[in-house]
Amino acid sequence: LGAIVGITHVVSEEALKEAVLERIPAGTEEMNIKALNAGRKAGQEVLQTKVG
């Protein structure tokens, strides 16, 4: 999900974060947000190599 948002910006990062936090098990928030951010960063890097 993070990679898709990093490439398409179809939803805001904040909206995605809120949606993820509403659906994950308690106690996994930090891990899931780190994964979301890593995916977003990877998506942005791919986009930069393809466009830039």
PDB file of N, CA and C in Angstrom:
ATOM      1  N   LEU A   1       0.815  -1.200   0.000  1.00  0.00           N
ATOM      2  CA  LEU A   1       0.000   0.000   0.000  1.00  0.00           C
ATOM      3  C   LEU A   1       0.854   1.257   0.000  1.00  0.00           C
ATOM      4  N   GLY A   2       1.893   1.233   0.796  1.00  0.00           N
ATOM      5  CA  GLY A   2       2.763   2.402   0.855  1.00  0.00           C
ATOM      6  C   GLY A   2       3.398   2.710  -0.489  1.00  0.00           C
ATOM      7  N   ALA A   3       3.834   1.672  -1.203  1.00  0.00           N
ATOM      8  CA  ALA A   3       4.452   1.876  -2.515  1.00  0.00           C
ATOM      9  C   ALA A   3       3.453   2.462  -3.501  1.00  0.00           C
ATOM     10  N   ILE A   4       2.225   1.972  -3.475  1.00  0.00           N
ATOM     11  CA  ILE A   4       1.196   2.482  -4.384  1.00  0.00           C
ATOM     12  C   ILE A   4       0.946   3.962  -4.125  1.00  0.00           C
ATOM     13  N   VAL A   5       0.838   4.327  -2.867  1.00  0.00           N
ATOM     14  CA  VAL A   5       0.614   5.737  -2.529  1.00  0.00           C
ATOM     15  C   VAL A   5       1.845   6.568  -2.881  1.00  0.00           C
ATOM     16  N   GLY A   6       3.033   6.009  -2.686  1.00  0.00           N
ATOM     17  CA  GLY A   6       4.254   6.728  -3.032  1.00  0.00           C
ATOM     18  C   GLY A   6       4.352   7.041  -4.513  1.00  0.00           C
ATOM     19  N   ILE A   7       3.768   6.175  -5.337  1.00  0.00           N
ATOM     20  CA  ILE A   7       3.813   6.367  -6.788  1.00  0.00           C
ATOM     21  C   ILE A   7       2.627   7.178  -7.289  1.00  0.00           C
ATOM     22  N   THR A   8       1.432   6.844  -6.824  1.00  0.00           N
ATOM     23  CA  THR A   8       0.221   7.427  -7.413  1.00  0.00           C
ATOM     24  C   THR A   8      -0.340   8.625  -6.671  1.00  0.00           C
ATOM     25  N   HIS A   9      -0.070   8.716  -5.382  1.00  0.00           N
ATOM     26  CA  HIS A   9      -0.646   9.771  -4.540  1.00  0.00           C
ATOM     27  C   HIS A   9      -2.177   9.753  -4.607  1.00  0.00           C
ATOM     28  N   VAL A  10      -2.741   8.552  -4.779  1.00  0.00           N
ATOM     29  CA  VAL A  10      -4.191   8.410  -4.924  1.00  0.00           C
ATOM     30  C   VAL A  10      -4.934   8.822  -3.649  1.00  0.00           C
ATOM     31  N   VAL A  11      -4.304   8.655  -2.512  1.00  0.00           N
ATOM     32  CA  VAL A  11      -4.831   9.145  -1.234  1.00  0.00           C
ATOM     33  C   VAL A  11      -3.675   9.800  -0.492  1.00  0.00           C
ATOM     34  N   SER A  12      -3.997  10.609   0.480  1.00  0.00           N
ATOM     35  CA  SER A  12      -2.930  11.252   1.251  1.00  0.00           C
ATOM     36  C   SER A  12      -2.244  10.225   2.146  1.00  0.00           C
ATOM     37  N   GLU A  13      -1.011  10.515   2.481  1.00  0.00           N
ATOM     38  CA  GLU A  13      -0.271   9.635   3.381  1.00  0.00           C
ATOM     39  C   GLU A  13      -0.979   9.541   4.730  1.00  0.00           C
ATOM     40  N   GLU A  14      -1.528  10.646   5.184  1.00  0.00           N
ATOM     41  CA  GLU A  14      -2.231  10.662   6.470  1.00  0.00           C
ATOM     42  C   GLU A  14      -3.478   9.787   6.424  1.00  0.00           C
ATOM     43  N   ALA A  15      -4.236   9.854   5.337  1.00  0.00           N
ATOM     44  CA  ALA A  15      -5.442   9.028   5.202  1.00  0.00           C
ATOM     45  C   ALA A  15      -5.082   7.549   5.191  1.00  0.00           C
ATOM     46  N   LEU A  16      -4.010   7.201   4.495  1.00  0.00           N
ATOM     47  CA  LEU A  16      -3.576   5.806   4.456  1.00  0.00           C
ATOM     48  C   LEU A  16      -3.148   5.343   5.845  1.00  0.00           C
ATOM     49  N   LYS A  17      -2.384   6.170   6.529  1.00  0.00           N
ATOM     50  CA  LYS A  17      -1.922   5.830   7.876  1.00  0.00           C
ATOM     51  C   LYS A  17      -3.111   5.604   8.806  1.00  0.00           C
ATOM     52  N   GLU A  18      -4.086   6.490   8.758  1.00  0.00           N
ATOM     53  CA  GLU A  18      -5.275   6.347   9.603  1.00  0.00           C
ATOM     54  C   GLU A  18      -6.025   5.060   9.278  1.00  0.00           C
ATOM     55  N   ALA A  19      -6.179   4.757   7.992  1.00  0.00           N
ATOM     56  CA  ALA A  19      -6.889   3.544   7.580  1.00  0.00           C
ATOM     57  C   ALA A  19      -6.167   2.296   8.067  1.00  0.00           C
ATOM     58  N   VAL A  20      -4.856   2.288   7.949  1.00  0.00           N
ATOM     59  CA  VAL A  20      -4.078   1.133   8.402  1.00  0.00           C
ATOM     60  C   VAL A  20      -4.198   0.983   9.914  1.00  0.00           C
ATOM     61  N   LEU A  21      -4.044   2.077  10.637  1.00  0.00           N
ATOM     62  CA  LEU A  21      -4.099   2.007  12.097  1.00  0.00           C
ATOM     63  C   LEU A  21      -5.456   1.540  12.608  1.00  0.00           C
ATOM     64  N   GLU A  22      -6.519   1.802  11.860  1.00  0.00           N
ATOM     65  CA  GLU A  22      -7.854   1.361  12.263  1.00  0.00           C
ATOM     66  C   GLU A  22      -8.054  -0.139  12.087  1.00  0.00           C
ATOM     67  N   ARG A  23      -7.214  -0.796  11.280  1.00  0.00           N
ATOM     68  CA  ARG A  23      -7.471  -2.175  10.901  1.00  0.00           C
ATOM     69  C   ARG A  23      -6.447  -3.192  11.402  1.00  0.00           C
ATOM     70  N   ILE A  24      -5.373  -2.743  12.000  1.00  0.00           N
ATOM     71  CA  ILE A  24      -4.327  -3.666  12.421  1.00  0.00           C
ATOM     72  C   ILE A  24      -4.515  -4.069  13.881  1.00  0.00           C
ATOM     73  N   PRO A  25      -3.949  -5.206  14.254  1.00  0.00           N
ATOM     74  CA  PRO A  25      -4.048  -5.633  15.652  1.00  0.00           C
ATOM     75  C   PRO A  25      -3.292  -4.684  16.587  1.00  0.00           C
ATOM     76  N   ALA A  26      -3.824  -4.532  17.775  1.00  0.00           N
ATOM     77  CA  ALA A  26      -3.159  -3.716  18.793  1.00  0.00           C
ATOM     78  C   ALA A  26      -1.763  -4.263  19.041  1.00  0.00           C
ATOM     79  N   GLY A  27      -0.829  -3.362  19.232  1.00  0.00           N
ATOM     80  CA  GLY A  27       0.543  -3.751  19.504  1.00  0.00           C
ATOM     81  C   GLY A  27       1.410  -3.862  18.258  1.00  0.00           C
ATOM     82  N   THR A  28       0.804  -3.721  17.082  1.00  0.00           N
ATOM     83  CA  THR A  28       1.577  -3.825  15.836  1.00  0.00           C
ATOM     84  C   THR A  28       1.685  -2.487  15.111  1.00  0.00           C
ATOM     85  N   GLU A  29       1.271  -1.429  15.769  1.00  0.00           N
ATOM     86  CA  GLU A  29       1.227  -0.115  15.127  1.00  0.00           C
ATOM     87  C   GLU A  29       2.597   0.325  14.605  1.00  0.00           C
ATOM     88  N   GLU A  30       3.599   0.272  15.445  1.00  0.00           N
ATOM     89  CA  GLU A  30       4.927   0.753  15.051  1.00  0.00           C
ATOM     90  C   GLU A  30       5.472  -0.040  13.865  1.00  0.00           C
ATOM     91  N   MET A  31       5.356  -1.355  13.932  1.00  0.00           N
ATOM     92  CA  MET A  31       5.849  -2.212  12.855  1.00  0.00           C
ATOM     93  C   MET A  31       5.131  -1.913  11.534  1.00  0.00           C
ATOM     94  N   ASN A  32       3.821  -1.754  11.600  1.00  0.00           N
ATOM     95  CA  ASN A  32       3.045  -1.507  10.393  1.00  0.00           C
ATOM     96  C   ASN A  32       3.320  -0.129   9.805  1.00  0.00           C
ATOM     97  N   ILE A  33       3.498   0.870  10.630  1.00  0.00           N
ATOM     98  CA  ILE A  33       3.807   2.211  10.128  1.00  0.00           C
ATOM     99  C   ILE A  33       5.203   2.226   9.503  1.00  0.00           C
ATOM    100  N   LYS A  34       6.149   1.510  10.106  1.00  0.00           N
ATOM    101  CA  LYS A  34       7.483   1.413   9.509  1.00  0.00           C
ATOM    102  C   LYS A  34       7.404   0.752   8.137  1.00  0.00           C
ATOM    103  N   ALA A  35       6.617  -0.310   8.026  1.00  0.00           N
ATOM    104  CA  ALA A  35       6.454  -0.998   6.740  1.00  0.00           C
ATOM    105  C   ALA A  35       5.785  -0.084   5.719  1.00  0.00           C
ATOM    106  N   LEU A  36       4.785   0.640   6.149  1.00  0.00           N
ATOM    107  CA  LEU A  36       4.091   1.580   5.271  1.00  0.00           C
ATOM    108  C   LEU A  36       5.058   2.647   4.747  1.00  0.00           C
ATOM    109  N   ASN A  37       5.861   3.199   5.629  1.00  0.00           N
ATOM    110  CA  ASN A  37       6.832   4.221   5.238  1.00  0.00           C
ATOM    111  C   ASN A  37       7.909   3.656   4.315  1.00  0.00           C
ATOM    112  N   ALA A  38       8.361   2.433   4.587  1.00  0.00           N
ATOM    113  CA  ALA A  38       9.363   1.805   3.722  1.00  0.00           C
ATOM    114  C   ALA A  38       8.799   1.581   2.326  1.00  0.00           C
ATOM    115  N   GLY A  39       7.563   1.136   2.245  1.00  0.00           N
ATOM    116  CA  GLY A  39       6.925   0.941   0.948  1.00  0.00           C
ATOM    117  C   GLY A  39       6.754   2.242   0.197  1.00  0.00           C
ATOM    118  N   ARG A  40       6.330   3.276   0.902  1.00  0.00           N
ATOM    119  CA  ARG A  40       6.157   4.593   0.284  1.00  0.00           C
ATOM    120  C   ARG A  40       7.480   5.097  -0.273  1.00  0.00           C
ATOM    121  N   LYS A  41       8.526   4.965   0.520  1.00  0.00           N
ATOM    122  CA  LYS A  41       9.856   5.409   0.089  1.00  0.00           C
ATOM    123  C   LYS A  41      10.316   4.616  -1.133  1.00  0.00           C
ATOM    124  N   ALA A  42      10.113   3.315  -1.115  1.00  0.00           N
ATOM    125  CA  ALA A  42      10.502   2.477  -2.255  1.00  0.00           C
ATOM    126  C   ALA A  42       9.730   2.879  -3.507  1.00  0.00           C
ATOM    127  N   GLY A  43       8.454   3.140  -3.360  1.00  0.00           N
ATOM    128  CA  GLY A  43       7.644   3.574  -4.495  1.00  0.00           C
ATOM    129  C   GLY A  43       8.135   4.885  -5.070  1.00  0.00           C
ATOM    130  N   GLN A  44       8.477   5.818  -4.203  1.00  0.00           N
ATOM    131  CA  GLN A  44       8.981   7.116  -4.657  1.00  0.00           C
ATOM    132  C   GLN A  44      10.322   6.961  -5.371  1.00  0.00           C
ATOM    133  N   GLU A  45      11.171   6.062  -4.868  1.00  0.00           N
ATOM    134  CA  GLU A  45      12.469   5.835  -5.501  1.00  0.00           C
ATOM    135  C   GLU A  45      12.296   5.223  -6.888  1.00  0.00           C
ATOM    136  N   VAL A  46      11.381   4.281  -7.024  1.00  0.00           N
ATOM    137  CA  VAL A  46      11.109   3.681  -8.333  1.00  0.00           C
ATOM    138  C   VAL A  46      10.607   4.747  -9.294  1.00  0.00           C
ATOM    139  N   LEU A  47       9.701   5.563  -8.824  1.00  0.00           N
ATOM    140  CA  LEU A  47       9.154   6.626  -9.665  1.00  0.00           C
ATOM    141  C   LEU A  47      10.256   7.580 -10.129  1.00  0.00           C
ATOM    142  N   GLN A  48      11.158   7.938  -9.237  1.00  0.00           N
ATOM    143  CA  GLN A  48      12.245   8.853  -9.592  1.00  0.00           C
ATOM    144  C   GLN A  48      13.177   8.241 -10.626  1.00  0.00           C
ATOM    145  N   THR A  49      13.442   6.942 -10.530  1.00  0.00           N
ATOM    146  CA  THR A  49      14.338   6.311 -11.500  1.00  0.00           C
ATOM    147  C   THR A  49      13.673   6.183 -12.864  1.00  0.00           C
ATOM    148  N   LYS A  50      12.354   6.046 -12.886  1.00  0.00           N
ATOM    149  CA  LYS A  50      11.630   5.921 -14.150  1.00  0.00           C
ATOM    150  C   LYS A  50      11.373   7.276 -14.797  1.00  0.00           C
ATOM    151  N   VAL A  51      11.159   8.302 -13.983  1.00  0.00           N
ATOM    152  CA  VAL A  51      10.813   9.628 -14.493  1.00  0.00           C
ATOM    153  C   VAL A  51      12.037  10.537 -14.542  1.00  0.00           C
ATOM    154  N   GLY A  52      12.795  10.503 -13.457  1.00  0.00           N
ATOM    155  CA  GLY A  52      13.881  11.452 -13.294  1.00  0.00           C
ATOM    156  C   GLY A  52      15.115  11.024 -13.954  1.00  0.00           C
TER     157      GLY A  52
END
